[in-house]
């Protein structure tokens, strides 16, 4: 089962006792801060969880799998995630 924002809000409501509206606002603000930080090219480190990094990908040649036609893929930025050793141990 996938963990959604709604389920996170419900969990905060149940475990902390924060009203759902306040929990929803807190989750939205947290995610907006993370998005804005990544948009600025900065890393987001959450101790005990992991690190979100923005990496620059250079332009490269690719191929359209449907037609086989060569094409140029433009340079872009991607977000990567590296989990912390604490999280890795809990998952394993």
C-alpha atoms as a PDB file:
ATOM      1  CA  UNK A   1       0.000   0.000   0.000  1.00  0.00           C
ATOM      2  CA  UNK A   2       1.259   3.469  -0.870  1.00  0.00           C
ATOM      3  CA  UNK A   3       1.690   6.128   1.775  1.00  0.00           C
ATOM      4  CA  UNK A   4      -0.159   9.249   0.631  1.00  0.00           C
ATOM      5  CA  UNK A   5      -0.286  12.791   1.974  1.00  0.00           C
ATOM      6  CA  UNK A   6      -3.776  12.073   3.298  1.00  0.00           C
ATOM      7  CA  UNK A   7      -2.516   9.062   5.253  1.00  0.00           C
ATOM      8  CA  UNK A   8       0.390  11.118   6.629  1.00  0.00           C
ATOM      9  CA  UNK A   9      -2.098  13.760   7.808  1.00  0.00           C
ATOM     10  CA  UNK A  10      -4.239  11.053   9.440  1.00  0.00           C
ATOM     11  CA  UNK A  11      -1.182   9.584  11.194  1.00  0.00           C
ATOM     12  CA  UNK A  12      -0.161  12.999  12.538  1.00  0.00           C
ATOM     13  CA  UNK A  13      -3.723  13.571  13.699  1.00  0.00           C
ATOM     14  CA  UNK A  14      -3.827  10.221  15.518  1.00  0.00           C
ATOM     15  CA  UNK A  15      -0.320  10.180  16.992  1.00  0.00           C
ATOM     16  CA  UNK A  16       0.129  13.849  17.904  1.00  0.00           C
ATOM     17  CA  UNK A  17      -3.483  14.907  18.324  1.00  0.00           C
ATOM     18  CA  UNK A  18      -3.091  17.838  15.949  1.00  0.00           C
ATOM     19  CA  UNK A  19      -6.352  18.725  14.184  1.00  0.00           C
ATOM     20  CA  UNK A  20      -6.498  17.425  10.595  1.00  0.00           C
ATOM     21  CA  UNK A  21      -6.544  20.938   9.125  1.00  0.00           C
ATOM     22  CA  UNK A  22      -3.390  21.928  11.044  1.00  0.00           C
ATOM     23  CA  UNK A  23      -1.689  18.611  10.228  1.00  0.00           C
ATOM     24  CA  UNK A  24      -2.533  19.089   6.544  1.00  0.00           C
ATOM     25  CA  UNK A  25      -1.086  22.619   6.585  1.00  0.00           C
ATOM     26  CA  UNK A  26       2.092  21.371   8.295  1.00  0.00           C
ATOM     27  CA  UNK A  27       2.580  18.621   5.688  1.00  0.00           C
ATOM     28  CA  UNK A  28       1.955  21.062   2.806  1.00  0.00           C
ATOM     29  CA  UNK A  29       4.403  23.608   4.253  1.00  0.00           C
ATOM     30  CA  UNK A  30       7.076  20.940   4.775  1.00  0.00           C
ATOM     31  CA  UNK A  31       6.737  19.653   1.211  1.00  0.00           C
ATOM     32  CA  UNK A  32       6.769  23.205  -0.182  1.00  0.00           C
ATOM     33  CA  UNK A  33       9.996  23.966   1.708  1.00  0.00           C
ATOM     34  CA  UNK A  34      11.586  20.791   0.311  1.00  0.00           C
ATOM     35  CA  UNK A  35      10.449  21.606  -3.254  1.00  0.00           C
ATOM     36  CA  UNK A  36      11.680  25.206  -3.047  1.00  0.00           C
ATOM     37  CA  UNK A  37      15.059  24.124  -1.648  1.00  0.00           C
ATOM     38  CA  UNK A  38      15.545  21.544  -4.432  1.00  0.00           C
ATOM     39  CA  UNK A  39      14.396  24.077  -7.035  1.00  0.00           C
ATOM     40  CA  UNK A  40      17.204  26.377  -5.852  1.00  0.00           C
ATOM     41  CA  UNK A  41      19.698  23.553  -6.454  1.00  0.00           C
ATOM     42  CA  UNK A  42      20.352  22.884  -2.777  1.00  0.00           C
ATOM     43  CA  UNK A  43      20.374  19.446  -1.115  1.00  0.00           C
ATOM     44  CA  UNK A  44      17.859  18.411   1.544  1.00  0.00           C
ATOM     45  CA  UNK A  45      19.301  16.302   4.368  1.00  0.00           C
ATOM     46  CA  UNK A  46      16.910  14.705   6.851  1.00  0.00           C
ATOM     47  CA  UNK A  47      18.938  13.008   9.578  1.00  0.00           C
ATOM     48  CA  UNK A  48      18.033   9.370  10.067  1.00  0.00           C
ATOM     49  CA  UNK A  49      16.086   9.329   6.785  1.00  0.00           C
ATOM     50  CA  UNK A  50      18.221  10.366   3.837  1.00  0.00           C
ATOM     51  CA  UNK A  51      19.392  13.043   1.447  1.00  0.00           C
ATOM     52  CA  UNK A  52      17.669  14.481  -1.620  1.00  0.00           C
ATOM     53  CA  UNK A  53      20.151  15.883  -4.159  1.00  0.00           C
ATOM     54  CA  UNK A  54      19.757  17.787  -7.419  1.00  0.00           C
ATOM     55  CA  UNK A  55      22.031  16.484 -10.176  1.00  0.00           C
ATOM     56  CA  UNK A  56      22.654  18.063 -13.565  1.00  0.00           C
ATOM     57  CA  UNK A  57      22.363  15.706 -16.518  1.00  0.00           C
ATOM     58  CA  UNK A  58      24.130  16.719 -19.689  1.00  0.00           C
ATOM     59  CA  UNK A  59      22.538  16.615 -23.115  1.00  0.00           C
ATOM     60  CA  UNK A  60      22.921  13.244 -24.796  1.00  0.00           C
ATOM     61  CA  UNK A  61      21.897  11.258 -27.816  1.00  0.00           C
ATOM     62  CA  UNK A  62      18.963   8.926 -27.427  1.00  0.00           C
ATOM     63  CA  UNK A  63      16.624   6.839 -29.495  1.00  0.00           C
ATOM     64  CA  UNK A  64      12.843   6.829 -29.718  1.00  0.00           C
ATOM     65  CA  UNK A  65      11.965   3.200 -28.902  1.00  0.00           C
ATOM     66  CA  UNK A  66       8.724   3.326 -30.890  1.00  0.00           C
ATOM     67  CA  UNK A  67      10.257   4.567 -34.159  1.00  0.00           C
ATOM     68  CA  UNK A  68      13.966   3.850 -33.715  1.00  0.00           C
ATOM     69  CA  UNK A  69      14.687   7.455 -34.698  1.00  0.00           C
ATOM     70  CA  UNK A  70      17.784   9.128 -33.199  1.00  0.00           C
ATOM     71  CA  UNK A  71      17.086  12.190 -31.113  1.00  0.00           C
ATOM     72  CA  UNK A  72      18.879  14.631 -28.832  1.00  0.00           C
ATOM     73  CA  UNK A  73      17.807  14.602 -25.199  1.00  0.00           C
ATOM     74  CA  UNK A  74      18.282  18.051 -23.715  1.00  0.00           C
ATOM     75  CA  UNK A  75      20.213  18.719 -20.531  1.00  0.00           C
ATOM     76  CA  UNK A  76      18.104  18.602 -17.400  1.00  0.00           C
ATOM     77  CA  UNK A  77      18.169  18.470 -13.632  1.00  0.00           C
ATOM     78  CA  UNK A  78      17.004  15.392 -11.732  1.00  0.00           C
ATOM     79  CA  UNK A  79      16.352  14.716  -8.069  1.00  0.00           C
ATOM     80  CA  UNK A  80      18.078  11.707  -6.528  1.00  0.00           C
ATOM     81  CA  UNK A  81      17.636  10.181  -3.086  1.00  0.00           C
ATOM     82  CA  UNK A  82      20.195   8.382  -0.972  1.00  0.00           C
ATOM     83  CA  UNK A  83      18.859   6.764   2.170  1.00  0.00           C
ATOM     84  CA  UNK A  84      20.695   6.998   5.472  1.00  0.00           C
ATOM     85  CA  UNK A  85      22.305   3.969   7.045  1.00  0.00           C
ATOM     86  CA  UNK A  86      19.696   4.123   9.818  1.00  0.00           C
ATOM     87  CA  UNK A  87      16.856   3.801   7.299  1.00  0.00           C
ATOM     88  CA  UNK A  88      18.707   1.117   5.350  1.00  0.00           C
ATOM     89  CA  UNK A  89      19.086  -0.974   8.519  1.00  0.00           C
ATOM     90  CA  UNK A  90      15.379  -0.605   9.366  1.00  0.00           C
ATOM     91  CA  UNK A  91      14.322  -1.620   5.867  1.00  0.00           C
ATOM     92  CA  UNK A  92      16.622  -4.636   5.830  1.00  0.00           C
END
